[in-house]
Amino acid sequence: MGKVYAGLNMEYVRHADKPFEWAAEKAADLGYKYIEPWVHSGRELMSQAGYYMSISMLDDPYRVKRTCEKVGVKLSGISAHTSLCKPEISVDYFKQAIRFAAECGAPVVNTDEGPKPAWTTEEEDHILMKYVLTEAAAVAEPRNILIGLEPHQQYTKSPEGLDKIYKLVDSPVIGINFDTGNSYLSGNDPAVWLENIKANLVHVHAKDISVQQSKDERGKVTGTPAGCACGDGVVDWKKIIEVCKTAPRDIVLSVECGTIEQAERSIAHLKPLL
């Protein structure tokens, strides 16, 4: 049985016009012990100017490592979402993200299958995803980096769909990054789904869904960028944490919310349960 910790996805400052270093320090001030940065390839104007928290993988990975050491947080993983159905994009990007994670000290790299090409069949998409995951696993295995597959898009909106992708490649480094909010919006019970995949669980996106969003979107979408504050919505966090505590490895609940104030309310709600 593992331990469960509270972490914070850097999405919480997406609209705050702040750089990664500021976001990491603020997360520590709020009481989080783990953070999950975003990474991107190439150069991007807003993050380069210090107005956005995403990190270019052209930067030194020790930038991330030194920041974490300075403010007193650890990395639960990095968010490196890329379309696994589009190998012309995802192979090089995801392999670079794995190498970046190994050097900055992140144990998990999270992704989903991404939007599919308009012209491919479902069978073709799974062949493409197998190719990408095989290439990624070959880079991740010698570095002991875990790959977290997240329920988020067209194929992972059901337990059967996520399981099919998980089984495409037989590798000890491929696991599940479970998203509580996406699984709920796609029409499933997050706690039941989580119970069934906990043996393969490597990371959790702790995303709550407001009552209004639930009414508007449940069963109509496969996911959402960010949720409301944990405890303000429909997700049963007591039950989610109970399941995570029975998983074989330690798990970080990486809170995915949209504002600094929501991040503050989230940890206030989760701490007593942990």
Foldseek 3Di string as FASTA:
>chain_A
DAAEFAEAELLQCQPVQAEQLVSLLLRVVLPHQEYAAEEDEDDDPSNVVGGGHYHYLVDQLVVLLVSCVVNRHYYQAYEQEDALLDCVPQQVSLLSRLVSCLRNPHQEYEYENDDHDPPDDPVSSLVSSLVSVVSNLVSNVVSNHAYAYEFFDDQSLDLVSSVSSQPSDDHPRYAHAYECQLNQQLPHQSLVSCLVRLQRYREYADAFAAPVCSVVGRNNHRHDQGHFAVPRHDHDLLSVNVSNRPRPYYYYHHYGHHHSVSSSRNCVVCVVSD
